Amino acid sequence: MPLILDNILVFLFRAIVLIYLDIRSRDWPVIEGVITRTDADIHTMYPLTRIFYSYTLEGIEYFGTYKHGFWFSYSAQRFASFYPLSKMVRVRYNPAQHHISFLEDNQQYDEEPKSRK
């Protein structure tokens, strides 16, 4: 039973952090970015997808990482498959600190994913 409670707590914590980051960045300007790498950490008790992206603002290239936790490994893999290398994405950035950003994941994976090679 402790493992189930542990899983629930980790899942809820990750979800709350993601919601907080999304709400905090809602009023930030949006810029186009590109996926530089994607990985799904599926061989752990707490599956996690990391989406690495870059964006250029005022001639300076910035990098960010979007983390999304899942209950099932399959879900983490499927989510990662919607973000292939070089896919264009929408990135919100902090206008006061350009290196702080948040990947808009709303409606970016509404089509079937491309197969990953």
C-alpha atoms as a PDB file:
ATOM      1  CA  MET A   1       0.000   0.000   0.000  1.00  0.00           C
ATOM      2  CA  PRO A   2       2.798   2.533   0.717  1.00  0.00           C
ATOM      3  CA  LEU A   3       3.978   2.344  -2.903  1.00  0.00           C
ATOM      4  CA  ILE A   4       0.566   3.325  -4.220  1.00  0.00           C
ATOM      5  CA  LEU A   5       0.399   6.307  -1.885  1.00  0.00           C
ATOM      6  CA  ASP A   6       3.957   7.223  -2.873  1.00  0.00           C
ATOM      7  CA  ASN A   7       3.019   7.136  -6.564  1.00  0.00           C
ATOM      8  CA  ILE A   8      -0.049   9.272  -5.960  1.00  0.00           C
ATOM      9  CA  LEU A   9       1.957  11.885  -4.043  1.00  0.00           C
ATOM     10  CA  VAL A  10       4.661  12.141  -6.721  1.00  0.00           C
ATOM     11  CA  PHE A  11       2.060  12.321  -9.486  1.00  0.00           C
ATOM     12  CA  LEU A  12       0.084  15.033  -7.684  1.00  0.00           C
ATOM     13  CA  PHE A  13       3.204  17.050  -6.890  1.00  0.00           C
ATOM     14  CA  ARG A  14       4.290  16.991 -10.551  1.00  0.00           C
ATOM     15  CA  ALA A  15       0.799  17.951 -11.700  1.00  0.00           C
ATOM     16  CA  ILE A  16       0.605  20.867  -9.271  1.00  0.00           C
ATOM     17  CA  VAL A  17       4.021  22.173 -10.349  1.00  0.00           C
ATOM     18  CA  LEU A  18       3.021  21.959 -14.017  1.00  0.00           C
ATOM     19  CA  ILE A  19      -0.254  23.782 -13.363  1.00  0.00           C
ATOM     20  CA  TYR A  20       1.560  26.476 -11.387  1.00  0.00           C
ATOM     21  CA  LEU A  21       4.117  27.030 -14.171  1.00  0.00           C
ATOM     22  CA  ASP A  22       1.356  27.182 -16.768  1.00  0.00           C
ATOM     23  CA  ILE A  23      -0.675  29.736 -14.815  1.00  0.00           C
ATOM     24  CA  ARG A  24       2.406  31.831 -13.990  1.00  0.00           C
ATOM     25  CA  SER A  25       3.340  32.141 -17.662  1.00  0.00           C
ATOM     26  CA  ARG A  26      -0.122  32.743 -19.180  1.00  0.00           C
ATOM     27  CA  ASP A  27       0.471  36.468 -19.774  1.00  0.00           C
ATOM     28  CA  TRP A  28       4.008  36.107 -21.119  1.00  0.00           C
ATOM     29  CA  PRO A  29       4.752  36.821 -24.784  1.00  0.00           C
ATOM     30  CA  VAL A  30       4.829  33.843 -27.127  1.00  0.00           C
ATOM     31  CA  ILE A  31       7.627  33.064 -29.574  1.00  0.00           C
ATOM     32  CA  GLU A  32       8.284  30.186 -31.944  1.00  0.00           C
ATOM     33  CA  GLY A  33      10.788  27.605 -30.769  1.00  0.00           C
ATOM     34  CA  VAL A  34      12.106  24.277 -31.981  1.00  0.00           C
ATOM     35  CA  ILE A  35      12.438  20.876 -30.344  1.00  0.00           C
ATOM     36  CA  THR A  36      16.091  19.940 -29.854  1.00  0.00           C
ATOM     37  CA  ARG A  37      15.644  16.642 -28.015  1.00  0.00           C
ATOM     38  CA  THR A  38      12.980  14.509 -26.394  1.00  0.00           C
ATOM     39  CA  ASP A  39      13.311  11.682 -23.945  1.00  0.00           C
ATOM     40  CA  ALA A  40      10.873   9.553 -22.019  1.00  0.00           C
ATOM     41  CA  ASP A  41      12.237   8.153 -18.783  1.00  0.00           C
ATOM     42  CA  ILE A  42      10.007   5.081 -18.712  1.00  0.00           C
ATOM     43  CA  HIS A  43      12.106   2.582 -16.793  1.00  0.00           C
ATOM     44  CA  THR A  44      11.422   4.145 -13.431  1.00  0.00           C
ATOM     45  CA  MET A  45       8.615   3.995 -10.929  1.00  0.00           C
ATOM     46  CA  TYR A  46       7.599   7.546 -11.942  1.00  0.00           C
ATOM     47  CA  PRO A  47       7.532   7.869 -15.770  1.00  0.00           C
ATOM     48  CA  LEU A  48       8.618  11.291 -16.994  1.00  0.00           C
ATOM     49  CA  THR A  49       8.906  12.920 -20.407  1.00  0.00           C
ATOM     50  CA  ARG A  50      11.400  15.731 -20.945  1.00  0.00           C
ATOM     51  CA  ILE A  51      11.044  17.988 -23.975  1.00  0.00           C
ATOM     52  CA  PHE A  52      14.137  20.091 -24.704  1.00  0.00           C
ATOM     53  CA  TYR A  53      13.644  23.142 -26.889  1.00  0.00           C
ATOM     54  CA  SER A  54      15.365  26.310 -28.006  1.00  0.00           C
ATOM     55  CA  TYR A  55      14.173  29.738 -29.063  1.00  0.00           C
ATOM     56  CA  THR A  56      15.912  32.858 -30.318  1.00  0.00           C
ATOM     57  CA  LEU A  57      15.059  36.286 -28.994  1.00  0.00           C
ATOM     58  CA  GLU A  58      16.868  39.481 -29.965  1.00  0.00           C
ATOM     59  CA  GLY A  59      19.631  37.434 -31.592  1.00  0.00           C
ATOM     60  CA  ILE A  60      20.319  35.336 -28.498  1.00  0.00           C
ATOM     61  CA  GLU A  61      19.515  31.636 -28.379  1.00  0.00           C
ATOM     62  CA  TYR A  62      17.863  30.332 -25.212  1.00  0.00           C
ATOM     63  CA  PHE A  63      17.136  26.780 -24.130  1.00  0.00           C
ATOM     64  CA  GLY A  64      14.400  25.289 -21.993  1.00  0.00           C
ATOM     65  CA  THR A  65      13.125  21.971 -20.714  1.00  0.00           C
ATOM     66  CA  TYR A  66       9.501  21.009 -20.299  1.00  0.00           C
ATOM     67  CA  LYS A  67       8.863  18.105 -17.905  1.00  0.00           C
ATOM     68  CA  HIS A  68       5.638  16.157 -17.788  1.00  0.00           C
ATOM     69  CA  GLY A  69       5.049  13.256 -15.403  1.00  0.00           C
ATOM     70  CA  PHE A  70       2.783  10.310 -16.149  1.00  0.00           C
ATOM     71  CA  TRP A  71       1.212   7.418 -14.334  1.00  0.00           C
ATOM     72  CA  PHE A  72       1.975   4.884 -17.092  1.00  0.00           C
ATOM     73  CA  SER A  73       5.142   4.390 -19.149  1.00  0.00           C
ATOM     74  CA  TYR A  74       3.110   4.072 -22.343  1.00  0.00           C
ATOM     75  CA  SER A  75       1.629   7.535 -21.790  1.00  0.00           C
ATOM     76  CA  ALA A  76       5.081   9.073 -21.361  1.00  0.00           C
ATOM     77  CA  GLN A  77       6.312   7.442 -24.574  1.00  0.00           C
ATOM     78  CA  ARG A  78       3.234   8.501 -26.515  1.00  0.00           C
ATOM     79  CA  PHE A  79       3.493  12.109 -25.308  1.00  0.00           C
ATOM     80  CA  ALA A  80       7.187  12.227 -26.280  1.00  0.00           C
ATOM     81  CA  SER A  81       6.343  10.937 -29.768  1.00  0.00           C
ATOM     82  CA  PHE A  82       4.330  14.104 -30.449  1.00  0.00           C
ATOM     83  CA  TYR A  83       7.519  16.197 -30.149  1.00  0.00           C
ATOM     84  CA  PRO A  84       9.954  14.942 -32.794  1.00  0.00           C
ATOM     85  CA  LEU A  85      13.305  16.596 -33.363  1.00  0.00           C
ATOM     86  CA  SER A  86      13.012  19.981 -35.155  1.00  0.00           C
ATOM     87  CA  LYS A  87       9.254  20.333 -34.608  1.00  0.00           C
ATOM     88  CA  MET A  88       8.229  23.980 -34.307  1.00  0.00           C
ATOM     89  CA  VAL A  89       6.509  24.804 -31.013  1.00  0.00           C
ATOM     90  CA  ARG A  90       5.122  27.812 -29.166  1.00  0.00           C
ATOM     91  CA  VAL A  91       7.191  28.990 -26.213  1.00  0.00           C
ATOM     92  CA  ARG A  92       6.167  31.534 -23.604  1.00  0.00           C
ATOM     93  CA  TYR A  93       9.069  33.558 -22.216  1.00  0.00           C
ATOM     94  CA  ASN A  94       9.397  35.898 -19.271  1.00  0.00           C
ATOM     95  CA  PRO A  95       9.693  39.443 -20.706  1.00  0.00           C
ATOM     96  CA  ALA A  96      11.914  40.531 -17.793  1.00  0.00           C
ATOM     97  CA  GLN A  97      14.134  37.440 -17.814  1.00  0.00           C
ATOM     98  CA  HIS A  98      14.258  35.938 -21.294  1.00  0.00           C
ATOM     99  CA  HIS A  99      15.989  32.753 -20.158  1.00  0.00           C
ATOM    100  CA  ILE A 100      12.883  31.729 -18.180  1.00  0.00           C
ATOM    101  CA  SER A 101      10.334  30.047 -20.423  1.00  0.00           C
ATOM    102  CA  PHE A 102       7.486  27.570 -20.593  1.00  0.00           C
ATOM    103  CA  LEU A 103       6.541  25.310 -23.481  1.00  0.00           C
ATOM    104  CA  GLU A 104       2.908  25.711 -24.484  1.00  0.00           C
ATOM    105  CA  ASP A 105       1.720  22.154 -24.861  1.00  0.00           C
ATOM    106  CA  ASN A 106      -1.921  23.075 -25.528  1.00  0.00           C
ATOM    107  CA  GLN A 107      -3.127  21.583 -28.801  1.00  0.00           C
ATOM    108  CA  GLN A 108       0.385  20.887 -30.064  1.00  0.00           C
ATOM    109  CA  TYR A 109      -0.229  17.174 -30.239  1.00  0.00           C
ATOM    110  CA  ASP A 110      -3.628  17.070 -31.925  1.00  0.00           C
ATOM    111  CA  GLU A 111      -2.421  14.972 -34.838  1.00  0.00           C
ATOM    112  CA  GLU A 112      -1.011  11.468 -34.893  1.00  0.00           C
ATOM    113  CA  PRO A 113       2.681  11.399 -33.982  1.00  0.00           C
ATOM    114  CA  LYS A 114       5.385  10.769 -36.542  1.00  0.00           C
ATOM    115  CA  SER A 115       7.312   7.561 -36.018  1.00  0.00           C
ATOM    116  CA  ARG A 116      10.571   8.120 -34.150  1.00  0.00           C
ATOM    117  CA  LYS A 117      13.734   6.794 -35.728  1.00  0.00           C
END
